[in-house]
């Protein structure tokens, strides 16, 4: 969950694997055809860069 909440536990999905992002998710993502040959570090950098293209309303989304 640490990848989005800052808890410091990057491998722990806190019992909600469908909602919390872990290192395992990033590793799984680089195994796709689209990311073939990409490292996990490159994938994270790409996520950050691509985030700039996201609509402001989605950037500010907050769960109730």
N, C-alpha and C. Protein backbone atom coordinates (compact mmCIF):
# COMPACT_ATOMS: atom_id res chain seq x y z
N UNK A 1 0.82 -1.20 0.00
CA UNK A 1 0.00 0.00 0.00
C UNK A 1 0.86 1.25 0.00
N UNK A 2 2.05 1.16 0.45
CA UNK A 2 2.91 2.32 0.59
C UNK A 2 3.02 3.15 -0.68
N UNK A 3 2.88 2.52 -1.81
CA UNK A 3 3.07 3.27 -3.03
C UNK A 3 2.08 4.41 -3.19
N UNK A 4 0.94 4.37 -2.52
CA UNK A 4 0.04 5.51 -2.59
C UNK A 4 -0.23 6.17 -1.25
N UNK A 5 -0.04 5.48 -0.13
CA UNK A 5 -0.44 6.10 1.14
C UNK A 5 0.72 6.58 2.00
N UNK A 6 1.90 6.10 1.72
CA UNK A 6 3.05 6.55 2.49
C UNK A 6 3.27 5.79 3.79
N UNK A 7 2.66 4.63 3.94
CA UNK A 7 2.80 3.86 5.18
C UNK A 7 4.19 3.25 5.34
N UNK A 8 4.96 3.21 4.26
CA UNK A 8 6.31 2.66 4.34
C UNK A 8 6.37 1.16 4.13
N UNK A 9 5.29 0.56 3.67
CA UNK A 9 5.24 -0.88 3.45
C UNK A 9 4.91 -1.17 1.99
N UNK A 10 5.89 -1.06 1.09
CA UNK A 10 5.63 -1.15 -0.34
C UNK A 10 5.18 -2.52 -0.86
N UNK A 11 5.27 -3.55 -0.02
CA UNK A 11 4.89 -4.89 -0.44
C UNK A 11 3.59 -5.37 0.20
N UNK A 12 2.97 -4.54 1.05
CA UNK A 12 1.78 -4.93 1.81
C UNK A 12 0.54 -4.29 1.20
N UNK A 13 -0.40 -5.11 0.74
CA UNK A 13 -1.63 -4.57 0.15
C UNK A 13 -2.70 -4.28 1.20
N UNK A 14 -2.38 -4.44 2.45
CA UNK A 14 -3.26 -4.14 3.57
C UNK A 14 -4.60 -4.87 3.47
N UNK A 15 -4.59 -6.03 2.84
CA UNK A 15 -5.80 -6.83 2.72
C UNK A 15 -6.77 -6.38 1.64
N UNK A 16 -6.35 -5.41 0.83
CA UNK A 16 -7.21 -4.91 -0.25
C UNK A 16 -6.43 -4.86 -1.56
N UNK A 17 -6.10 -6.04 -2.11
CA UNK A 17 -5.27 -6.08 -3.32
C UNK A 17 -5.89 -5.41 -4.54
N UNK A 18 -7.20 -5.26 -4.55
CA UNK A 18 -7.86 -4.62 -5.69
C UNK A 18 -7.87 -3.09 -5.56
N UNK A 19 -7.42 -2.56 -4.43
CA UNK A 19 -7.45 -1.12 -4.21
C UNK A 19 -6.08 -0.51 -3.94
N UNK A 20 -5.16 -1.28 -3.41
CA UNK A 20 -3.87 -0.74 -3.00
C UNK A 20 -2.74 -1.16 -3.93
N UNK A 21 -1.89 -0.23 -4.27
CA UNK A 21 -0.81 -0.45 -5.23
C UNK A 21 0.45 -0.89 -4.49
N UNK A 22 1.00 -2.02 -4.93
CA UNK A 22 2.22 -2.54 -4.32
C UNK A 22 3.30 -2.70 -5.38
N UNK A 23 4.49 -3.03 -4.92
CA UNK A 23 5.60 -3.30 -5.84
C UNK A 23 5.22 -4.44 -6.78
N UNK A 24 4.51 -5.43 -6.28
CA UNK A 24 4.09 -6.56 -7.12
C UNK A 24 3.26 -6.08 -8.31
N UNK A 25 2.43 -5.07 -8.11
CA UNK A 25 1.62 -4.52 -9.21
C UNK A 25 2.49 -3.87 -10.26
N UNK A 26 3.50 -3.14 -9.84
CA UNK A 26 4.40 -2.49 -10.78
C UNK A 26 5.21 -3.54 -11.54
N UNK A 27 5.67 -4.56 -10.83
CA UNK A 27 6.41 -5.65 -11.49
C UNK A 27 5.54 -6.36 -12.51
N UNK A 28 4.28 -6.58 -12.16
CA UNK A 28 3.34 -7.22 -13.08
C UNK A 28 3.12 -6.35 -14.32
N UNK A 29 3.06 -5.05 -14.11
CA UNK A 29 2.78 -4.14 -15.23
C UNK A 29 3.90 -4.13 -16.27
N UNK A 30 5.14 -4.31 -15.85
CA UNK A 30 6.24 -4.28 -16.82
C UNK A 30 6.36 -5.59 -17.61
N UNK A 31 5.52 -6.55 -17.28
CA UNK A 31 5.50 -7.81 -18.02
C UNK A 31 4.52 -7.76 -19.20
N UNK A 32 3.81 -6.64 -19.33
CA UNK A 32 2.86 -6.52 -20.43
C UNK A 32 3.60 -6.31 -21.75
N UNK A 33 2.93 -6.57 -22.85
CA UNK A 33 3.53 -6.36 -24.17
C UNK A 33 3.91 -4.90 -24.37
N UNK A 34 3.06 -4.00 -23.89
CA UNK A 34 3.31 -2.57 -24.06
C UNK A 34 4.58 -2.10 -23.35
N UNK A 35 4.90 -2.75 -22.24
CA UNK A 35 6.05 -2.32 -21.43
C UNK A 35 7.26 -3.25 -21.58
N UNK A 36 7.21 -4.12 -22.53
CA UNK A 36 8.27 -5.12 -22.70
C UNK A 36 9.65 -4.47 -22.71
N UNK A 37 10.54 -4.95 -21.86
CA UNK A 37 11.89 -4.43 -21.78
C UNK A 37 12.05 -3.27 -20.82
N UNK A 38 10.95 -2.80 -20.24
CA UNK A 38 10.98 -1.67 -19.32
C UNK A 38 11.31 -2.17 -17.91
N UNK A 39 12.06 -1.38 -17.15
CA UNK A 39 12.32 -1.71 -15.75
C UNK A 39 11.20 -1.14 -14.89
N UNK A 40 11.12 -1.59 -13.66
CA UNK A 40 10.11 -1.04 -12.75
C UNK A 40 10.39 0.44 -12.49
N UNK A 41 11.65 0.83 -12.42
CA UNK A 41 12.00 2.23 -12.21
C UNK A 41 11.52 3.08 -13.40
N UNK A 42 11.69 2.57 -14.59
CA UNK A 42 11.22 3.27 -15.79
C UNK A 42 9.69 3.36 -15.80
N UNK A 43 9.02 2.32 -15.34
CA UNK A 43 7.56 2.33 -15.30
C UNK A 43 7.06 3.41 -14.34
N UNK A 44 7.67 3.52 -13.18
CA UNK A 44 7.28 4.55 -12.22
C UNK A 44 7.52 5.94 -12.80
N UNK A 45 8.65 6.13 -13.45
CA UNK A 45 8.95 7.43 -14.07
C UNK A 45 7.91 7.76 -15.14
N UNK A 46 7.49 6.76 -15.90
CA UNK A 46 6.49 6.96 -16.93
C UNK A 46 5.14 7.32 -16.32
N UNK A 47 4.79 6.69 -15.22
CA UNK A 47 3.54 7.01 -14.53
C UNK A 47 3.55 8.46 -14.08
N UNK A 48 4.63 8.90 -13.49
CA UNK A 48 4.73 10.27 -13.02
C UNK A 48 4.62 11.25 -14.19
N UNK A 49 5.33 10.97 -15.27
CA UNK A 49 5.30 11.84 -16.45
C UNK A 49 3.89 11.88 -17.07
N UNK A 50 3.27 10.74 -17.17
CA UNK A 50 1.93 10.65 -17.78
C UNK A 50 0.88 11.30 -16.90
N UNK A 51 1.09 11.31 -15.60
CA UNK A 51 0.13 11.90 -14.67
C UNK A 51 -0.14 13.37 -15.01
N UNK A 52 0.82 14.04 -15.60
CA UNK A 52 0.65 15.44 -15.98
C UNK A 52 -0.45 15.61 -17.03
N UNK A 53 -0.81 14.55 -17.73
CA UNK A 53 -1.85 14.62 -18.76
C UNK A 53 -3.25 14.33 -18.21
N UNK A 54 -3.33 13.96 -16.97
CA UNK A 54 -4.61 13.60 -16.35
C UNK A 54 -5.43 14.86 -16.08
N UNK A 55 -6.74 14.78 -16.27
CA UNK A 55 -7.64 15.91 -16.02
C UNK A 55 -7.55 16.36 -14.56
N UNK A 56 -7.66 17.66 -14.36
CA UNK A 56 -7.57 18.22 -13.01
C UNK A 56 -8.58 17.59 -12.05
N UNK A 57 -9.80 17.33 -12.54
CA UNK A 57 -10.82 16.75 -11.66
C UNK A 57 -10.39 15.36 -11.18
N UNK A 58 -9.68 14.61 -12.01
CA UNK A 58 -9.20 13.29 -11.59
C UNK A 58 -7.99 13.41 -10.67
N UNK A 59 -7.18 14.43 -10.88
CA UNK A 59 -6.02 14.65 -9.99
C UNK A 59 -6.48 14.99 -8.59
N UNK A 60 -7.62 15.64 -8.47
CA UNK A 60 -8.10 16.08 -7.17
C UNK A 60 -9.16 15.14 -6.56
N UNK A 61 -9.40 14.00 -7.21
CA UNK A 61 -10.39 13.06 -6.69
C UNK A 61 -10.02 12.61 -5.28
N UNK A 62 -11.01 12.59 -4.41
CA UNK A 62 -10.80 12.14 -3.04
C UNK A 62 -11.97 11.25 -2.66
N UNK A 63 -11.67 10.06 -2.16
CA UNK A 63 -12.71 9.14 -1.74
C UNK A 63 -13.45 9.71 -0.54
N UNK A 64 -14.74 9.44 -0.51
CA UNK A 64 -15.57 9.94 0.59
C UNK A 64 -15.36 9.13 1.84
